[in-house]
Amino acid sequence: MNTTKITVNGEEVTLKFGIWTLARLVDRGYKMADLAKTLNDNPFDFVPTLMYLGACNAEGMDLNAHKESIFWDFIDEVGFGSKEIEKVLTCFTNSISRDVPTEKKSKPNVVEMKK
């Protein structure tokens, strides 16, 4: 699970990405297998939603902890190409790929013999 901080309306907001955030994305109709496609096809909906859910996750998994609209406004202010948005997406990507092995290594089947 990864966290990052952004400054929204002059206040520091922590975003926490993990299983809860992913589950809430699925609740909203996003499919895990299509996240990369969704991010490319419609980042305008996905990114503010992701930020909202990450902020709510950091506040005890409480969907009432923040108003979703502040993240839409935040993106309007900083722009999609900003370092803040890049930081959020990098944190999220690192979070969902952290435990995925890059190469599956097989372990030899070793049988110990007792003397």
Protein backbone atom coordinates (compact mmCIF):
# COMPACT_ATOMS: atom_id res chain seq x y z
CA MET A 1 0.00 0.00 0.00
CA ASN A 2 1.41 3.39 -0.98
CA THR A 3 0.62 6.89 0.19
CA THR A 4 1.35 10.33 -1.15
CA LYS A 5 0.38 13.85 -0.17
CA ILE A 6 -1.01 16.67 -2.27
CA THR A 7 -2.06 20.19 -1.35
CA VAL A 8 -5.72 20.90 -2.09
CA ASN A 9 -7.18 24.31 -1.28
CA GLY A 10 -4.13 25.09 0.86
CA GLU A 11 -4.50 21.92 2.95
CA GLU A 12 -2.34 18.83 2.81
CA VAL A 13 -4.36 15.76 1.83
CA THR A 14 -3.00 12.23 2.13
CA LEU A 15 -3.94 9.72 -0.55
CA LYS A 16 -3.66 6.04 0.34
CA PHE A 17 -3.92 3.39 -2.35
CA GLY A 18 -4.60 -0.22 -1.49
CA ILE A 19 -7.22 -2.94 -1.63
CA TRP A 20 -10.01 -0.72 -0.26
CA THR A 21 -9.42 1.86 -2.98
CA LEU A 22 -9.42 -0.84 -5.65
CA ALA A 23 -12.64 -2.32 -4.28
CA ARG A 24 -14.35 1.09 -4.40
CA LEU A 25 -13.17 1.57 -8.01
CA VAL A 26 -14.80 -1.77 -8.88
CA ASP A 27 -17.97 -0.62 -7.06
CA ARG A 28 -18.03 2.34 -9.46
CA GLY A 29 -17.82 0.10 -12.51
CA TYR A 30 -14.10 0.17 -13.25
CA LYS A 31 -12.66 -3.22 -14.17
CA MET A 32 -9.23 -4.12 -12.85
CA ALA A 33 -8.24 -5.73 -16.15
CA ASP A 34 -9.03 -2.48 -17.98
CA LEU A 35 -7.45 0.12 -15.68
CA ALA A 36 -4.67 1.06 -18.10
CA LYS A 37 -7.18 1.38 -20.95
CA THR A 38 -9.54 3.42 -18.76
CA LEU A 39 -6.74 5.72 -17.71
CA ASN A 40 -5.81 6.29 -21.35
CA ASP A 41 -9.37 6.53 -22.69
CA ASN A 42 -10.97 8.69 -19.98
CA PRO A 43 -8.52 10.06 -17.42
CA PHE A 44 -10.93 12.97 -16.90
CA ASP A 45 -13.27 10.74 -14.90
CA PHE A 46 -10.83 8.20 -13.51
CA VAL A 47 -8.16 10.44 -11.97
CA PRO A 48 -10.38 12.64 -9.78
CA THR A 49 -12.32 9.55 -8.70
CA LEU A 50 -9.05 7.80 -7.84
CA MET A 51 -7.85 10.79 -5.84
CA TYR A 52 -11.14 11.06 -3.96
CA LEU A 53 -11.14 7.36 -3.06
CA GLY A 54 -7.46 7.48 -2.05
CA ALA A 55 -8.14 10.45 0.24
CA CYS A 56 -11.15 8.71 1.80
CA ASN A 57 -9.07 5.56 2.30
CA ALA A 58 -6.46 7.59 4.19
CA GLU A 59 -9.24 8.92 6.46
CA GLY A 60 -10.31 5.54 7.80
CA MET A 61 -12.05 4.24 4.68
CA ASP A 62 -14.77 6.86 5.08
CA LEU A 63 -16.49 7.93 1.86
CA ASN A 64 -17.78 11.02 3.67
CA ALA A 65 -14.31 12.23 4.68
CA HIS A 66 -13.99 14.43 1.57
CA LYS A 67 -16.19 15.92 -1.10
CA GLU A 68 -15.37 14.39 -4.45
CA SER A 69 -15.79 17.73 -6.18
CA ILE A 70 -12.66 19.18 -4.58
CA PHE A 71 -10.53 16.75 -6.58
CA TRP A 72 -12.23 17.70 -9.84
CA ASP A 73 -11.54 21.36 -9.02
CA PHE A 74 -7.97 20.54 -8.01
CA ILE A 75 -7.27 19.01 -11.41
CA ASP A 76 -8.82 22.02 -13.14
CA GLU A 77 -6.41 24.20 -11.17
CA VAL A 78 -3.18 22.23 -11.62
CA GLY A 79 -3.90 20.55 -14.96
CA PHE A 80 -3.51 16.93 -16.01
CA GLY A 81 0.11 17.42 -16.99
CA SER A 82 1.16 18.70 -13.56
CA LYS A 83 3.77 17.09 -11.35
CA GLU A 84 1.09 16.64 -8.67
CA ILE A 85 -1.04 14.44 -10.94
CA GLU A 86 2.04 12.56 -12.11
CA LYS A 87 2.97 11.93 -8.45
CA VAL A 88 -0.53 10.58 -7.72
CA LEU A 89 -0.51 8.25 -10.74
CA THR A 90 3.00 7.00 -9.96
CA CYS A 91 1.99 6.25 -6.38
CA PHE A 92 -1.14 4.41 -7.53
CA THR A 93 0.75 2.44 -10.18
CA ASN A 94 3.42 1.46 -7.65
CA SER A 95 0.70 0.39 -5.24
CA ILE A 96 -1.06 -1.95 -7.64
CA SER A 97 2.14 -3.42 -9.07
CA ARG A 98 4.10 -3.74 -5.83
CA ASP A 99 3.34 -7.38 -5.20
CA VAL A 100 3.23 -8.53 -8.80
CA PRO A 101 6.36 -10.53 -9.63
CA THR A 102 8.19 -9.47 -12.76
CA GLU A 103 9.29 -13.03 -13.47
CA LYS A 104 7.97 -16.25 -12.08
CA LYS A 105 10.89 -18.26 -10.83
CA SER A 106 10.46 -21.93 -10.26
CA LYS A 107 11.97 -23.45 -7.18
CA PRO A 108 13.61 -26.80 -7.57
CA ASN A 109 11.80 -29.60 -5.82
CA VAL A 110 14.35 -30.63 -3.23
CA VAL A 111 13.80 -33.68 -1.12
CA GLU A 112 15.93 -34.03 1.96
CA MET A 113 17.04 -37.50 2.83
CA LYS A 114 17.77 -38.40 6.43
CA LYS A 115 20.71 -40.58 7.25
